[in-house]
Amino acid sequence: AADIPCSAYRSSWSNPRIEWKFQKGSSLVLFYYGGELTEPYKNRVQFSPTTIHFNTVTRDDTGKYICEVVGDGSHIAKSEVNLIVQGAAAPKP
């Protein structure tokens, strides 16, 4: 399991909109958007405003996680976390 913090989150902002993106090489995946986790993350990730929690991680999850928080007006904050998953890929069930 792994927890990735969104250090950009500001509890003082009223009703901030949060988006997560996952960057691996040159590809960018929308991870959490419009208030929902996207496939294929829906089944193995829990979202909270300050953290995303992975139930399971594999080497495929290695990459950069970008949290963007948009508040009222033009407030925007962004934080990035690099996740490196060591070890063998998880065996297929």
PDB file of N, CA and C in Angstrom:
ATOM      1  N   ALA A   1       0.851  -1.198   0.000  1.00  0.00           N
ATOM      2  CA  ALA A   1       0.000   0.000   0.000  1.00  0.00           C
ATOM      3  C   ALA A   1       0.882   1.242   0.000  1.00  0.00           C
ATOM      4  N   ALA A   2       0.297   2.348  -0.413  1.00  0.00           N
ATOM      5  CA  ALA A   2       1.047   3.605  -0.433  1.00  0.00           C
ATOM      6  C   ALA A   2       0.094   4.768  -0.248  1.00  0.00           C
ATOM      7  N   ASP A   3       0.575   5.793   0.448  1.00  0.00           N
ATOM      8  CA  ASP A   3      -0.177   7.040   0.590  1.00  0.00           C
ATOM      9  C   ASP A   3       0.589   8.144  -0.110  1.00  0.00           C
ATOM     10  N   ILE A   4      -0.105   8.930  -0.907  1.00  0.00           N
ATOM     11  CA  ILE A   4       0.523  10.052  -1.589  1.00  0.00           C
ATOM     12  C   ILE A   4      -0.176  11.325  -1.132  1.00  0.00           C
ATOM     13  N   PRO A   5       0.551  12.209  -0.445  1.00  0.00           N
ATOM     14  CA  PRO A   5      -0.080  13.413   0.104  1.00  0.00           C
ATOM     15  C   PRO A   5      -0.277  14.489  -0.956  1.00  0.00           C
ATOM     16  N   CYS A   6      -1.345  15.241  -0.788  1.00  0.00           N
ATOM     17  CA  CYS A   6      -1.554  16.438  -1.602  1.00  0.00           C
ATOM     18  C   CYS A   6      -1.208  17.640  -0.739  1.00  0.00           C
ATOM     19  N   SER A   7       0.044  18.058  -0.764  1.00  0.00           N
ATOM     20  CA  SER A   7       0.445  19.150   0.118  1.00  0.00           C
ATOM     21  C   SER A   7      -0.061  20.500  -0.387  1.00  0.00           C
ATOM     22  N   ALA A   8      -0.638  20.521  -1.584  1.00  0.00           N
ATOM     23  CA  ALA A   8      -1.199  21.767  -2.108  1.00  0.00           C
ATOM     24  C   ALA A   8      -2.557  22.092  -1.496  1.00  0.00           C
ATOM     25  N   TYR A   9      -3.181  21.102  -0.867  1.00  0.00           N
ATOM     26  CA  TYR A   9      -4.532  21.315  -0.346  1.00  0.00           C
ATOM     27  C   TYR A   9      -4.547  22.388   0.728  1.00  0.00           C
ATOM     28  N   ARG A  10      -5.506  23.302   0.634  1.00  0.00           N
ATOM     29  CA  ARG A  10      -5.662  24.360   1.631  1.00  0.00           C
ATOM     30  C   ARG A  10      -7.050  24.243   2.242  1.00  0.00           C
ATOM     31  N   SER A  11      -7.091  23.916   3.526  1.00  0.00           N
ATOM     32  CA  SER A  11      -8.399  23.763   4.155  1.00  0.00           C
ATOM     33  C   SER A  11      -9.114  25.106   4.290  1.00  0.00           C
ATOM     34  N   SER A  12      -8.366  26.196   4.181  1.00  0.00           N
ATOM     35  CA  SER A  12      -8.980  27.515   4.335  1.00  0.00           C
ATOM     36  C   SER A  12      -9.748  27.932   3.078  1.00  0.00           C
ATOM     37  N   TRP A  13      -9.489  27.279   1.952  1.00  0.00           N
ATOM     38  CA  TRP A  13     -10.206  27.621   0.737  1.00  0.00           C
ATOM     39  C   TRP A  13     -11.596  27.006   0.796  1.00  0.00           C
ATOM     40  N   SER A  14     -12.595  27.776   0.352  1.00  0.00           N
ATOM     41  CA  SER A  14     -13.933  27.215   0.384  1.00  0.00           C
ATOM     42  C   SER A  14     -14.138  26.340  -0.848  1.00  0.00           C
ATOM     43  N   ASN A  15     -14.520  25.112  -0.589  1.00  0.00           N
ATOM     44  CA  ASN A  15     -14.904  24.177  -1.643  1.00  0.00           C
ATOM     45  C   ASN A  15     -13.888  24.078  -2.780  1.00  0.00           C
ATOM     46  N   PRO A  16     -12.631  23.772  -2.464  1.00  0.00           N
ATOM     47  CA  PRO A  16     -11.632  23.686  -3.542  1.00  0.00           C
ATOM     48  C   PRO A  16     -11.883  22.478  -4.431  1.00  0.00           C
ATOM     49  N   ARG A  17     -11.532  22.613  -5.692  1.00  0.00           N
ATOM     50  CA  ARG A  17     -11.638  21.511  -6.646  1.00  0.00           C
ATOM     51  C   ARG A  17     -10.265  20.862  -6.764  1.00  0.00           C
ATOM     52  N   ILE A  18     -10.231  19.550  -6.646  1.00  0.00           N
ATOM     53  CA  ILE A  18      -8.959  18.841  -6.632  1.00  0.00           C
ATOM     54  C   ILE A  18      -8.866  17.939  -7.854  1.00  0.00           C
ATOM     55  N   GLU A  19      -7.724  17.983  -8.509  1.00  0.00           N
ATOM     56  CA  GLU A  19      -7.458  17.077  -9.625  1.00  0.00           C
ATOM     57  C   GLU A  19      -6.109  16.426  -9.416  1.00  0.00           C
ATOM     58  N   TRP A  20      -6.047  15.143  -9.718  1.00  0.00           N
ATOM     59  CA  TRP A  20      -4.784  14.408  -9.664  1.00  0.00           C
ATOM     60  C   TRP A  20      -4.415  13.957 -11.064  1.00  0.00           C
ATOM     61  N   LYS A  21      -3.138  14.081 -11.381  1.00  0.00           N
ATOM     62  CA  LYS A  21      -2.631  13.571 -12.643  1.00  0.00           C
ATOM     63  C   LYS A  21      -1.435  12.677 -12.346  1.00  0.00           C
ATOM     64  N   PHE A  22      -1.258  11.689 -13.203  1.00  0.00           N
ATOM     65  CA  PHE A  22      -0.130  10.769 -13.065  1.00  0.00           C
ATOM     66  C   PHE A  22       0.716  10.890 -14.316  1.00  0.00           C
ATOM     67  N   GLN A  23       1.995  11.233 -14.119  1.00  0.00           N
ATOM     68  CA  GLN A  23       2.891  11.407 -15.252  1.00  0.00           C
ATOM     69  C   GLN A  23       3.931  10.302 -15.265  1.00  0.00           C
ATOM     70  N   LYS A  24       4.015   9.618 -16.396  1.00  0.00           N
ATOM     71  CA  LYS A  24       5.017   8.573 -16.559  1.00  0.00           C
ATOM     72  C   LYS A  24       5.664   8.788 -17.913  1.00  0.00           C
ATOM     73  N   GLY A  25       6.931   9.168 -17.909  1.00  0.00           N
ATOM     74  CA  GLY A  25       7.563   9.532 -19.172  1.00  0.00           C
ATOM     75  C   GLY A  25       6.831  10.720 -19.762  1.00  0.00           C
ATOM     76  N   SER A  26       6.406  10.587 -21.007  1.00  0.00           N
ATOM     77  CA  SER A  26       5.734  11.712 -21.649  1.00  0.00           C
ATOM     78  C   SER A  26       4.216  11.592 -21.569  1.00  0.00           C
ATOM     79  N   SER A  27       3.708  10.505 -20.977  1.00  0.00           N
ATOM     80  CA  SER A  27       2.255  10.367 -20.924  1.00  0.00           C
ATOM     81  C   SER A  27       1.713  10.919 -19.615  1.00  0.00           C
ATOM     82  N   LEU A  28       0.551  11.540 -19.703  1.00  0.00           N
ATOM     83  CA  LEU A  28      -0.096  12.133 -18.544  1.00  0.00           C
ATOM     84  C   LEU A  28      -1.501  11.544 -18.443  1.00  0.00           C
ATOM     85  N   VAL A  29      -1.808  10.981 -17.291  1.00  0.00           N
ATOM     86  CA  VAL A  29      -3.106  10.333 -17.095  1.00  0.00           C
ATOM     87  C   VAL A  29      -3.903  11.137 -16.077  1.00  0.00           C
ATOM     88  N   LEU A  30      -5.144  11.455 -16.419  1.00  0.00           N
ATOM     89  CA  LEU A  30      -6.036  12.042 -15.426  1.00  0.00           C
ATOM     90  C   LEU A  30      -6.456  10.937 -14.486  1.00  0.00           C
ATOM     91  N   PHE A  31      -6.247  11.172 -13.230  1.00  0.00           N
ATOM     92  CA  PHE A  31      -6.323  10.130 -12.221  1.00  0.00           C
ATOM     93  C   PHE A  31      -7.568  10.340 -11.373  1.00  0.00           C
ATOM     94  N   TYR A  32      -7.761  11.582 -10.960  1.00  0.00           N
ATOM     95  CA  TYR A  32      -8.936  11.964 -10.188  1.00  0.00           C
ATOM     96  C   TYR A  32      -9.428  13.263 -10.790  1.00  0.00           C
ATOM     97  N   TYR A  33     -10.646  13.259 -11.298  1.00  0.00           N
ATOM     98  CA  TYR A  33     -11.127  14.389 -12.085  1.00  0.00           C
ATOM     99  C   TYR A  33     -12.633  14.497 -11.935  1.00  0.00           C
ATOM    100  N   GLY A  34     -13.118  15.715 -11.805  1.00  0.00           N
ATOM    101  CA  GLY A  34     -14.560  15.918 -11.706  1.00  0.00           C
ATOM    102  C   GLY A  34     -15.173  15.214 -10.508  1.00  0.00           C
ATOM    103  N   GLY A  35     -14.376  15.090  -9.438  1.00  0.00           N
ATOM    104  CA  GLY A  35     -14.900  14.477  -8.227  1.00  0.00           C
ATOM    105  C   GLY A  35     -14.919  12.969  -8.245  1.00  0.00           C
ATOM    106  N   GLU A  36     -14.258  12.355  -9.232  1.00  0.00           N
ATOM    107  CA  GLU A  36     -14.265  10.900  -9.310  1.00  0.00           C
ATOM    108  C   GLU A  36     -12.897  10.354  -9.687  1.00  0.00           C
ATOM    109  N   LEU A  37     -12.597   9.179  -9.139  1.00  0.00           N
ATOM    110  CA  LEU A  37     -11.422   8.444  -9.602  1.00  0.00           C
ATOM    111  C   LEU A  37     -11.726   7.867 -10.971  1.00  0.00           C
ATOM    112  N   THR A  38     -10.731   7.881 -11.853  1.00  0.00           N
ATOM    113  CA  THR A  38     -10.928   7.316 -13.181  1.00  0.00           C
ATOM    114  C   THR A  38     -10.560   5.831 -13.167  1.00  0.00           C
ATOM    115  N   GLU A  39     -11.027   5.104 -14.168  1.00  0.00           N
ATOM    116  CA  GLU A  39     -10.562   3.743 -14.358  1.00  0.00           C
ATOM    117  C   GLU A  39      -9.083   3.826 -14.730  1.00  0.00           C
ATOM    118  N   PRO A  40      -8.242   2.899 -14.398  1.00  0.00           N
ATOM    119  CA  PRO A  40      -8.490   1.671 -13.636  1.00  0.00           C
ATOM    120  C   PRO A  40      -8.214   1.838 -12.150  1.00  0.00           C
ATOM    121  N   TYR A  41      -8.213   3.077 -11.662  1.00  0.00           N
ATOM    122  CA  TYR A  41      -7.810   3.318 -10.280  1.00  0.00           C
ATOM    123  C   TYR A  41      -8.956   3.156  -9.296  1.00  0.00           C
ATOM    124  N   LYS A  42     -10.170   3.230  -9.827  1.00  0.00           N
ATOM    125  CA  LYS A  42     -11.360   3.238  -8.990  1.00  0.00           C
ATOM    126  C   LYS A  42     -11.377   2.119  -7.951  1.00  0.00           C
ATOM    127  N   ASN A  43     -10.920   0.944  -8.349  1.00  0.00           N
ATOM    128  CA  ASN A  43     -11.063  -0.222  -7.471  1.00  0.00           C
ATOM    129  C   ASN A  43      -9.962  -0.362  -6.440  1.00  0.00           C
ATOM    130  N   ARG A  44      -8.874   0.394  -6.590  1.00  0.00           N
ATOM    131  CA  ARG A  44      -7.765   0.165  -5.672  1.00  0.00           C
ATOM    132  C   ARG A  44      -7.203   1.412  -5.025  1.00  0.00           C
ATOM    133  N   VAL A  45      -7.925   2.508  -5.160  1.00  0.00           N
ATOM    134  CA  VAL A  45      -7.458   3.763  -4.577  1.00  0.00           C
ATOM    135  C   VAL A  45      -8.596   4.407  -3.791  1.00  0.00           C
ATOM    136  N   GLN A  46      -8.257   4.933  -2.617  1.00  0.00           N
ATOM    137  CA  GLN A  46      -9.213   5.754  -1.874  1.00  0.00           C
ATOM    138  C   GLN A  46      -8.760   7.202  -1.922  1.00  0.00           C
ATOM    139  N   PHE A  47      -9.712   8.068  -2.161  1.00  0.00           N
ATOM    140  CA  PHE A  47      -9.409   9.490  -2.268  1.00  0.00           C
ATOM    141  C   PHE A  47      -9.836  10.223  -0.999  1.00  0.00           C
ATOM    142  N   SER A  48      -8.997  11.109  -0.512  1.00  0.00           N
ATOM    143  CA  SER A  48      -9.432  12.125   0.445  1.00  0.00           C
ATOM    144  C   SER A  48      -8.780  13.431   0.000  1.00  0.00           C
ATOM    145  N   PRO A  49      -9.287  14.571   0.483  1.00  0.00           N
ATOM    146  CA  PRO A  49      -8.730  15.837  -0.012  1.00  0.00           C
ATOM    147  C   PRO A  49      -7.228  15.971   0.201  1.00  0.00           C
ATOM    148  N   THR A  50      -6.714  15.352   1.251  1.00  0.00           N
ATOM    149  CA  THR A  50      -5.296  15.561   1.560  1.00  0.00           C
ATOM    150  C   THR A  50      -4.394  14.428   1.091  1.00  0.00           C
ATOM    151  N   THR A  51      -4.967  13.280   0.734  1.00  0.00           N
ATOM    152  CA  THR A  51      -4.162  12.085   0.435  1.00  0.00           C
ATOM    153  C   THR A  51      -4.901  11.177  -0.540  1.00  0.00           C
ATOM    154  N   ILE A  52      -4.135  10.513  -1.414  1.00  0.00           N
ATOM    155  CA  ILE A  52      -4.713   9.346  -2.079  1.00  0.00           C
ATOM    156  C   ILE A  52      -4.017   8.110  -1.543  1.00  0.00           C
ATOM    157  N   HIS A  53      -4.815   7.099  -1.272  1.00  0.00           N
ATOM    158  CA  HIS A  53      -4.310   5.869  -0.664  1.00  0.00           C
ATOM    159  C   HIS A  53      -4.475   4.715  -1.643  1.00  0.00           C
ATOM    160  N   PHE A  54      -3.357   4.070  -1.964  1.00  0.00           N
ATOM    161  CA  PHE A  54      -3.385   2.885  -2.816  1.00  0.00           C
ATOM    162  C   PHE A  54      -3.488   1.646  -1.948  1.00  0.00           C
ATOM    163  N   ASN A  55      -4.463   0.800  -2.229  1.00  0.00           N
ATOM    164  CA  ASN A  55      -4.536  -0.494  -1.546  1.00  0.00           C
ATOM    165  C   ASN A  55      -3.371  -1.380  -1.973  1.00  0.00           C
ATOM    166  N   THR A  56      -3.057  -1.329  -3.247  1.00  0.00           N
ATOM    167  CA  THR A  56      -1.935  -2.112  -3.771  1.00  0.00           C
ATOM    168  C   THR A  56      -1.153  -1.225  -4.727  1.00  0.00           C
ATOM    169  N   VAL A  57       0.154  -1.450  -4.787  1.00  0.00           N
ATOM    170  CA  VAL A  57       0.973  -0.754  -5.788  1.00  0.00           C
ATOM    171  C   VAL A  57       1.829  -1.784  -6.520  1.00  0.00           C
ATOM    172  N   THR A  58       2.087  -1.503  -7.784  1.00  0.00           N
ATOM    173  CA  THR A  58       3.010  -2.322  -8.562  1.00  0.00           C
ATOM    174  C   THR A  58       4.042  -1.383  -9.185  1.00  0.00           C
ATOM    175  N   ARG A  59       5.019  -1.969  -9.831  1.00  0.00           N
ATOM    176  CA  ARG A  59       6.036  -1.127 -10.470  1.00  0.00           C
ATOM    177  C   ARG A  59       5.437  -0.221 -11.526  1.00  0.00           C
ATOM    178  N   ASP A  60       4.284  -0.608 -12.077  1.00  0.00           N
ATOM    179  CA  ASP A  60       3.628   0.254 -13.061  1.00  0.00           C
ATOM    180  C   ASP A  60       3.179   1.582 -12.468  1.00  0.00           C
ATOM    181  N   ASP A  61       3.083   1.641 -11.145  1.00  0.00           N
ATOM    182  CA  ASP A  61       2.644   2.872 -10.491  1.00  0.00           C
ATOM    183  C   ASP A  61       3.797   3.848 -10.237  1.00  0.00           C
ATOM    184  N   THR A  62       5.015   3.418 -10.552  1.00  0.00           N
ATOM    185  CA  THR A  62       6.162   4.316 -10.410  1.00  0.00           C
ATOM    186  C   THR A  62       6.002   5.491 -11.369  1.00  0.00           C
ATOM    187  N   GLY A  63       6.160   6.691 -10.837  1.00  0.00           N
ATOM    188  CA  GLY A  63       6.043   7.885 -11.673  1.00  0.00           C
ATOM    189  C   GLY A  63       5.745   9.088 -10.811  1.00  0.00           C
ATOM    190  N   LYS A  64       5.327  10.159 -11.455  1.00  0.00           N
ATOM    191  CA  LYS A  64       5.086  11.420 -10.753  1.00  0.00           C
ATOM    192  C   LYS A  64       3.584  11.661 -10.613  1.00  0.00           C
ATOM    193  N   TYR A  65       3.175  11.931  -9.375  1.00  0.00           N
ATOM    194  CA  TYR A  65       1.770  12.230  -9.085  1.00  0.00           C
ATOM    195  C   TYR A  65       1.633  13.720  -8.824  1.00  0.00           C
ATOM    196  N   ILE A  66       0.759  14.353  -9.580  1.00  0.00           N
ATOM    197  CA  ILE A  66       0.607  15.803  -9.515  1.00  0.00           C
ATOM    198  C   ILE A  66      -0.784  16.123  -8.992  1.00  0.00           C
ATOM    199  N   CYS A  67      -0.813  16.851  -7.891  1.00  0.00           N
ATOM    200  CA  CYS A  67      -2.071  17.276  -7.290  1.00  0.00           C
ATOM    201  C   CYS A  67      -2.278  18.751  -7.582  1.00  0.00           C
ATOM    202  N   GLU A  68      -3.414  19.100  -8.185  1.00  0.00           N
ATOM    203  CA  GLU A  68      -3.741  20.497  -8.446  1.00  0.00           C
ATOM    204  C   GLU A  68      -5.012  20.854  -7.695  1.00  0.00           C
ATOM    205  N   VAL A  69      -4.942  21.948  -6.966  1.00  0.00           N
ATOM    206  CA  VAL A  69      -6.093  22.397  -6.191  1.00  0.00           C
ATOM    207  C   VAL A  69      -6.494  23.777  -6.694  1.00  0.00           C
ATOM    208  N   VAL A  70      -7.764  23.897  -7.078  1.00  0.00           N
ATOM    209  CA  VAL A  70      -8.264  25.157  -7.604  1.00  0.00           C
ATOM    210  C   VAL A  70      -9.311  25.696  -6.640  1.00  0.00           C
ATOM    211  N   GLY A  71      -9.070  26.893  -6.133  1.00  0.00           N
ATOM    212  CA  GLY A  71     -10.002  27.499  -5.190  1.00  0.00           C
ATOM    213  C   GLY A  71     -10.866  28.543  -5.856  1.00  0.00           C
ATOM    214  N   ASP A  72     -11.644  29.259  -5.048  1.00  0.00           N
ATOM    215  CA  ASP A  72     -12.473  30.330  -5.583  1.00  0.00           C
ATOM    216  C   ASP A  72     -11.599  31.388  -6.228  1.00  0.00           C
ATOM    217  N   GLY A  73     -12.142  32.041  -7.220  1.00  0.00           N
ATOM    218  CA  GLY A  73     -11.362  33.049  -7.911  1.00  0.00           C
ATOM    219  C   GLY A  73     -10.264  32.378  -8.703  1.00  0.00           C
ATOM    220  N   SER A  74      -9.055  32.903  -8.611  1.00  0.00           N
ATOM    221  CA  SER A  74      -7.981  32.345  -9.430  1.00  0.00           C
ATOM    222  C   SER A  74      -6.937  31.635  -8.582  1.00  0.00           C
ATOM    223  N   HIS A  75      -7.313  31.256  -7.351  1.00  0.00           N
ATOM    224  CA  HIS A  75      -6.363  30.525  -6.508  1.00  0.00           C
ATOM    225  C   HIS A  75      -6.041  29.188  -7.155  1.00  0.00           C
ATOM    226  N   ILE A  76      -4.772  28.870  -7.234  1.00  0.00           N
ATOM    227  CA  ILE A  76      -4.390  27.539  -7.691  1.00  0.00           C
ATOM    228  C   ILE A  76      -3.117  27.130  -6.967  1.00  0.00           C
ATOM    229  N   ALA A  77      -3.089  25.898  -6.549  1.00  0.00           N
ATOM    230  CA  ALA A  77      -1.898  25.377  -5.889  1.00  0.00           C
ATOM    231  C   ALA A  77      -1.610  24.004  -6.484  1.00  0.00           C
ATOM    232  N   LYS A  78      -0.334  23.641  -6.449  1.00  0.00           N
ATOM    233  CA  LYS A  78       0.070  22.412  -7.111  1.00  0.00           C
ATOM    234  C   LYS A  78       1.175  21.758  -6.299  1.00  0.00           C
ATOM    235  N   SER A  79       1.117  20.445  -6.149  1.00  0.00           N
ATOM    236  CA  SER A  79       2.228  19.745  -5.520  1.00  0.00           C
ATOM    237  C   SER A  79       2.499  18.467  -6.296  1.00  0.00           C
ATOM    238  N   GLU A  80       3.717  18.008  -6.194  1.00  0.00           N
ATOM    239  CA  GLU A  80       4.127  16.812  -6.937  1.00  0.00           C
ATOM    240  C   GLU A  80       4.814  15.838  -6.001  1.00  0.00           C
ATOM    241  N   VAL A  81       4.573  14.568  -6.219  1.00  0.00           N
ATOM    242  CA  VAL A  81       5.250  13.522  -5.467  1.00  0.00           C
ATOM    243  C   VAL A  81       5.749  12.481  -6.453  1.00  0.00           C
ATOM    244  N   ASN A  82       7.018  12.121  -6.331  1.00  0.00           N
ATOM    245  CA  ASN A  82       7.539  11.018  -7.130  1.00  0.00           C
ATOM    246  C   ASN A  82       7.413   9.731  -6.333  1.00  0.00           C
ATOM    247  N   LEU A  83       6.737   8.756  -6.920  1.00  0.00           N
ATOM    248  CA  LEU A  83       6.591   7.457  -6.276  1.00  0.00           C
ATOM    249  C   LEU A  83       7.494   6.461  -6.992  1.00  0.00           C
ATOM    250  N   ILE A  84       8.301   5.750  -6.220  1.00  0.00           N
ATOM    251  CA  ILE A  84       9.141   4.706  -6.793  1.00  0.00           C
ATOM    252  C   ILE A  84       8.776   3.401  -6.101  1.00  0.00           C
ATOM    253  N   VAL A  85       8.283   2.474  -6.860  1.00  0.00           N
ATOM    254  CA  VAL A  85       7.905   1.175  -6.305  1.00  0.00           C
ATOM    255  C   VAL A  85       9.026   0.184  -6.611  1.00  0.00           C
ATOM    256  N   GLN A  86       9.627  -0.342  -5.559  1.00  0.00           N
ATOM    257  CA  GLN A  86      10.720  -1.297  -5.714  1.00  0.00           C
ATOM    258  C   GLN A  86      10.163  -2.717  -5.779  1.00  0.00           C
ATOM    259  N   GLY A  87      11.001  -3.606  -6.223  1.00  0.00           N
ATOM    260  CA  GLY A  87      10.642  -5.017  -6.132  1.00  0.00           C
ATOM    261  C   GLY A  87       9.924  -5.519  -7.351  1.00  0.00           C
ATOM    262  N   ALA A  88       9.566  -6.771  -7.276  1.00  0.00           N
ATOM    263  CA  ALA A  88       8.963  -7.443  -8.425  1.00  0.00           C
ATOM    264  C   ALA A  88       7.530  -6.966  -8.618  1.00  0.00           C
ATOM    265  N   ALA A  89       7.057  -7.090  -9.853  1.00  0.00           N
ATOM    266  CA  ALA A  89       5.657  -6.819 -10.126  1.00  0.00           C
ATOM    267  C   ALA A  89       4.803  -7.830  -9.370  1.00  0.00           C
ATOM    268  N   ALA A  90       3.637  -7.398  -8.951  1.00  0.00           N
ATOM    269  CA  ALA A  90       2.766  -8.279  -8.182  1.00  0.00           C
ATOM    270  C   ALA A  90       2.331  -9.457  -9.053  1.00  0.00           C
ATOM    271  N   PRO A  91       2.291 -10.653  -8.490  1.00  0.00           N
ATOM    272  CA  PRO A  91       1.823 -11.800  -9.276  1.00  0.00           C
ATOM    273  C   PRO A  91       0.353 -11.644  -9.606  1.00  0.00           C
ATOM    274  N   LYS A  92      -0.029 -12.106 -10.750  1.00  0.00           N
ATOM    275  CA  LYS A  92      -1.435 -12.031 -11.138  1.00  0.00           C
ATOM    276  C   LYS A  92      -2.234 -13.049 -10.331  1.00  0.00           C
ATOM    277  N   PRO A  93      -3.388 -12.640  -9.832  1.00  0.00           N
ATOM    278  CA  PRO A  93      -4.176 -13.582  -9.019  1.00  0.00           C
ATOM    279  C   PRO A  93      -4.721 -14.733  -9.870  1.00  0.00           C
TER     280      PRO A  93
END
